[in-house]
Amino acid sequence: MERKQNIAATARAIDVLLEGLNPAQRSAATYGIDAEQEPPPLLIAAGAGTGKTKTLAHRVARLILGGADPRRLLLLTFTRRAALEMTRRAQQILGASQRGRAAGGPEAALLPWSGTLHSIGNRLLRRHATTLSLDPAFTVLDRTDSADLMDLVRSDLGLARTRSRFPKKGTCLAIYSYSVNAGCPLEETLVELFPWCAEWEAELKRLFAAYVAAKQRDNVLDYDDLLLYWHEAVQMPGIAAQMRADFDHILVDEYQDTNRLQAAILLALAPDGAGLTVVGDDA
């Protein structure tokens, strides 16, 4: 009797949860959840203002109502604000469904693995730091600090006092970051995106090598390193298997913003696509 009541209550909660979704949004929010086998991969592509993020939040809530462990859901976004908003929305949806599972609780309690790719990478790297020859107490540089370190190295190498104007620290960091994230050789990066800096290719190579050495000396990682080391980690069978085992579902918002390095990490985490949902703009 109690089991029947629980089933009926869950069915009512799901009906409430799906209220306000149009047929396409409802189909995406519920896709594959009741299947007996592992949930298949899902790609949601639609234009701006069509409710993609809303649909993803409802899918998160529907997974939890269906019995998914919130601690085993990995939700990736591209800004901290977006991560908090996604968690808040899912929490509100669950509360409105009268389950009360997380109503009124802290946002992080509902989805502890909800965050930006960089913040999640930071946490996972500290778990596996020793295997990756990293000090678990490494410091993460933000973009401003990274640019300042780049400028310091630039000055130490005498590149600030050249015969013609050498690229400023922000430009140097942008060149370095693009080459890393796009997996693009420096020469190609300069030709395609920074042609006015092409004459400095040899000096930039020297600068970037010294910049990497300075980070290693000071036990610091920049945002690009968080992705580089994460990518390196998922190439190691033992770590990759552990990371995959930690999560039943991976959900990615604004997938159109992923670069080559981020896409490679996601592919390594879900090589067969099972449990993977990505949402992106079709433009």
Foldseek 3Di string as FASTA:
>chain_A
DVVVVLVVLLVLLLVQLCPPDDPVLSCQLCQQLPDPDFRFFAEAAAAPPPCLLVSLLSSLLNNVSSPDDLQQEAEEEAAQVSQLVSLVSNQVSSVSSVPVPQPPHDSCVRHVNGGHLLVNLLVLCLVCVVVLVADSPFAEDEPVRLLVLLQVLCVVVVVPPDPDHADHSNVLVVLVLCCLQQVHDSQVSCVPPNVVNNVCSVVSVVSVVVSVVVCVVRRYHYSSVSLVSLLVQLVDVVSLVVLLVSHSAYEYEAVVPHHPSRVSSVCSSPVRNGRYYYYHYPD
